[in-house]
Protein backbone atom coordinates (compact mmCIF):
# COMPACT_ATOMS: atom_id res chain seq x y z
CA MET A 1 0.00 0.00 0.00
CA GLU A 2 2.75 2.43 0.91
CA GLY A 3 4.50 1.87 -2.44
CA SER A 4 1.43 2.96 -4.36
CA ASN A 5 1.19 6.20 -2.34
CA VAL A 6 4.83 7.02 -3.07
CA SER A 7 4.31 6.32 -6.75
CA ALA A 8 1.19 8.51 -6.84
CA GLY A 9 3.06 11.33 -5.09
CA ALA A 10 5.95 11.06 -7.55
CA ASP A 11 3.55 11.16 -10.51
CA THR A 12 1.91 14.29 -9.11
CA ALA A 13 5.27 15.98 -8.60
CA LEU A 14 6.36 15.04 -12.13
CA ALA A 15 3.10 16.39 -13.57
CA ARG A 16 3.62 19.69 -11.71
CA ARG A 17 7.21 20.02 -12.98
CA THR A 18 6.33 19.34 -16.62
CA ALA A 19 3.38 21.75 -16.54
CA SER A 20 5.55 24.69 -15.42
CA PRO A 21 6.04 27.24 -18.22
CA ALA A 22 9.44 28.18 -16.76
CA LEU A 23 10.65 24.57 -16.93
CA LEU A 24 9.35 24.20 -20.48
CA LEU A 25 11.20 27.39 -21.43
CA GLN A 26 14.33 26.10 -19.67
CA ARG A 27 14.24 22.92 -21.79
CA LYS A 28 13.89 25.01 -24.97
CA ILE A 29 16.51 27.73 -24.40
CA GLY A 30 18.71 26.39 -21.58
CA ASN A 31 19.50 27.21 -17.95
CA ARG A 32 21.51 30.39 -18.45
CA ALA A 33 19.09 32.01 -20.92
CA THR A 34 16.09 31.15 -18.74
CA GLY A 35 17.79 32.60 -15.65
CA GLN A 36 18.63 35.81 -17.50
CA LEU A 37 15.10 36.11 -18.83
CA LEU A 38 13.46 35.54 -15.44
CA ALA A 39 15.90 37.86 -13.62
CA ARG A 40 15.15 40.88 -15.79
CA ALA A 41 12.95 43.69 -14.64
CA PRO A 42 10.00 44.24 -16.94
CA ALA A 43 11.12 46.40 -19.84
CA ALA A 44 9.29 49.49 -20.97
CA LYS A 45 7.07 48.71 -23.93
CA ASP A 46 9.00 49.00 -27.17
CA HIS A 47 6.91 50.71 -29.85
CA GLY A 48 9.64 50.55 -32.50
CA THR A 49 11.18 53.15 -34.78
CA VAL A 50 10.22 55.16 -37.84
CA HIS A 51 12.43 56.43 -40.69
CA VAL A 52 11.00 59.44 -42.48
CA GLY A 53 12.80 59.92 -45.77
CA LYS A 54 16.48 60.59 -45.06
CA LEU A 55 15.98 61.63 -41.42
CA PRO A 56 17.67 59.51 -38.73
CA ALA A 57 15.61 56.82 -37.01
CA ILE A 58 12.97 58.23 -34.67
CA LYS A 59 12.05 56.17 -31.59
CA ILE A 60 8.29 55.73 -31.30
CA VAL A 61 6.90 56.23 -27.79
CA GLY A 62 3.19 55.91 -28.63
CA GLY A 63 0.57 55.98 -31.33
CA ASN A 64 -0.99 53.26 -33.45
CA ALA A 65 2.06 51.70 -35.17
CA GLY A 66 1.44 48.41 -33.32
CA ASP A 67 -2.11 48.25 -34.73
CA TRP A 68 -0.65 47.96 -38.23
CA THR A 69 0.81 44.52 -37.39
CA LYS A 70 -2.68 42.98 -37.52
CA ASN A 71 -4.94 45.33 -39.48
CA GLN A 72 -4.71 48.47 -41.56
CA PRO A 73 -6.05 51.73 -40.04
CA SER A 74 -6.54 54.70 -42.38
CA THR A 75 -3.67 56.77 -40.92
CA LEU A 76 -0.42 56.15 -39.09
CA GLU A 77 -0.32 58.06 -35.80
CA ILE A 78 3.06 58.54 -34.13
CA THR A 79 4.12 59.97 -30.78
CA SER A 80 7.85 60.54 -30.39
CA THR A 81 10.27 62.52 -28.27
CA LYS A 82 11.28 65.89 -29.67
CA GLY A 83 14.78 65.83 -31.15
CA ARG A 84 17.02 66.85 -34.09
CA HIS A 85 14.41 65.52 -36.52
CA SER A 86 11.59 67.70 -35.15
CA ALA A 87 12.18 70.82 -37.24
CA ALA A 88 12.14 68.74 -40.44
CA LEU A 89 8.91 66.97 -39.39
CA GLU A 90 7.25 70.31 -38.64
CA ARG A 91 8.38 71.69 -42.02
CA LEU A 92 7.05 68.57 -43.83
CA SER A 93 3.71 68.96 -42.05
CA ARG A 94 3.45 72.65 -43.01
CA ASP A 95 4.51 72.08 -46.65
CA GLY A 96 2.28 69.06 -47.26
CA SER A 97 4.93 67.58 -49.56
CA LYS A 98 5.06 63.83 -50.26
CA ILE A 99 7.78 61.66 -48.73
CA PRO A 100 8.94 58.89 -51.10
CA THR A 101 9.23 56.33 -48.26
CA LEU A 102 8.37 56.19 -44.60
CA LYS A 103 9.50 52.98 -42.86
CA VAL A 104 8.17 51.76 -39.52
CA THR A 105 9.64 48.84 -37.59
CA THR A 106 7.51 47.67 -34.68
CA PRO A 107 7.88 44.60 -32.46
CA ILE A 108 5.41 41.75 -32.66
CA ASP A 109 2.94 41.74 -29.76
CA GLN A 110 4.16 39.20 -27.18
CA SER A 111 1.03 37.65 -25.74
CA GLY A 112 -0.51 34.23 -25.35
CA GLN A 113 1.19 30.88 -24.83
CA HIS A 114 4.11 31.60 -27.18
CA LEU A 115 6.99 34.03 -27.10
CA ASP A 116 7.28 35.81 -30.44
CA PHE A 117 10.63 37.37 -31.16
CA GLY A 118 10.51 39.55 -34.20
CA SER A 119 9.11 42.62 -35.81
CA VAL A 120 6.89 43.91 -38.55
CA GLU A 121 8.42 46.28 -41.08
CA LEU A 122 5.98 48.61 -42.81
CA GLU A 123 6.94 50.76 -45.76
CA PHE A 124 4.55 53.58 -46.67
CA SER A 125 4.95 54.97 -50.19
CA HIS A 126 4.44 58.69 -50.96
CA ALA A 127 3.03 59.65 -47.54
CA THR A 128 2.27 63.15 -46.29
CA ILE A 129 3.08 64.28 -42.74
CA ALA A 130 0.09 66.01 -41.14
CA ASP A 131 -1.02 67.53 -37.84
CA TYR A 132 2.42 67.94 -36.29
CA THR A 133 2.08 69.24 -32.71
CA VAL A 134 4.45 69.56 -29.75
CA ASP A 135 3.57 69.34 -26.05
CA GLY A 136 6.72 69.90 -24.00
CA LYS A 137 9.23 67.25 -25.12
CA VAL A 138 6.65 65.04 -26.83
CA GLU A 139 5.52 65.45 -30.43
CA THR A 140 2.60 63.85 -32.24
CA TRP A 141 2.03 63.63 -35.95
CA ARG A 142 0.31 61.51 -38.59
CA ALA A 143 1.23 59.97 -41.94
CA VAL A 144 -1.69 60.28 -44.36
CA ASP A 145 -2.53 60.08 -48.08
CA PHE A 146 -0.03 57.30 -48.81
CA ASN A 147 -0.23 55.26 -52.00
CA ARG A 148 0.46 51.82 -50.55
CA VAL A 149 1.81 49.95 -47.54
CA HIS A 150 4.21 47.03 -47.92
CA ARG A 151 4.32 44.73 -44.88
CA ASN A 152 7.17 42.33 -44.05
CA THR A 153 7.10 40.15 -40.92
CA VAL A 154 10.31 38.81 -39.37
CA SER A 155 9.49 36.31 -36.64
CA HIS A 156 10.83 33.46 -34.51
CA ARG A 157 8.31 31.70 -32.24
CA VAL A 158 9.14 29.64 -29.16
CA GLY A 159 6.31 27.59 -27.64
CA ILE A 160 6.06 27.20 -23.90
């Protein structure tokens, strides 16, 4: 009788260990990588970057760029921190001139039972910058009237 209780207890412990997402992740990526991943403080949400014409990359701090990974809204709305690029963005908004290419790189949403490592690259052709406004160190603006959007997904999925 005692042997069957020990066996049942061992089966329960084994079932608990194999059901743990952390242990499944450890088997997939190894001890060191799992430890580093679990030890990290939660990172601030990464909204990606945008390249407007020949301007340097602009870090996105808000807006709807992430919505473009799954569907296609009518405009691209960007919130960024004011910087060297700001005067050029304001000028483009005032002039209403077309930009040959506007490229957005945004991370894939990491939710559900899988970890998705990757990004979506969106290239807007012949967009116009509109509604540029500044509030302190934060600027908001939109890309409108574009001809097309080319979407490229770069992804690596790990199941846990």
